[in-house]
Amino acid sequence: MSSSAPTPGRPVGDPTSHQGPGLVVAIDGTSGSGKSSTSRGVATRLGLRYLDTGAMFRAMTWWMLQHGVDVHDPAAVAARVEEPSIASGTDPQAPTIAVDDADVAGPIRSDAVNAAVSPVSAVPAVRSRLLRLQREVIAAAGDGIVVEGRDIGSVVAPDAPVKVYLSADPAARAARRAAEVGAADVAATRESLLARDRIDSGRATAPLVMADGAVHIDTTPYSLDEVIGLVVDLVEAVEARA
């Protein structure tokens, strides 16, 4: 998908410009389907806040690795889950993630975190702690927020008036992710994404599912601008009915 540009006449990154107090746009979907780019683009066009819940799970994983916790031991992870301070910045044009006041936006994208985030994310205590934090961010977002993840519409914000589920053909997802991270082996990237799908869909706590009432968008044939436009149209249709 190609890059996006703000809709003319919409203030960029101004959360006070939106006229729907407390609006939550929940965007779920598979890895590589365009969730992050779409969510940030929608938030920018509509002047809403933005939350990347996946970064929060990566931040927790990074902290566990830094402190020598065996990420494959759920009990060990659960015993330390309340210790780190995790803070998410919600500017869609410059989102941030900090652990114990340290910027970890780069470190959480490392290969070590990539390999460990699935087992850490599957620990119920981790999901419970981060669910509380996510809901605190949503409650503090003022006029509204776009929240992306894998269980937003089903668990984090089940009452969200706009729910979207993004997917894409595995080949398209692999090509996008490989380009994003600079990976040369697209086939290996594809297998990694499919493995993550199996873990996310099969876990007992908050599995990846399309939430009740969600609109499914297959992003394969669309540019990023087009996908953002489709979601913005959904939001504006809900506002028009409100």
Foldseek 3Di string as FASTA:
>chain_A
DDAADADPPAAFLALVRADAWLAEAEEEEFQLLCQLRLQLRLCGNRNFWEAELLVVLLVLLLVCVVVVFDLQDLVSSLVCQVPWDWDWGTRSVDIFIDIPNHTCPPVSPDPSSLVRSLSSVLRVSNVVVSLVVLLVCSVPRTRYYYYYYQQCCPPSCVPRPAYAYTAEDLLSSLVSVCVVVVNPDSVVSSVSRVVSLCSQQPRPPRRRDRHPPYHYDHCHVDDSHVSSVVRSVVVVVSVVVD
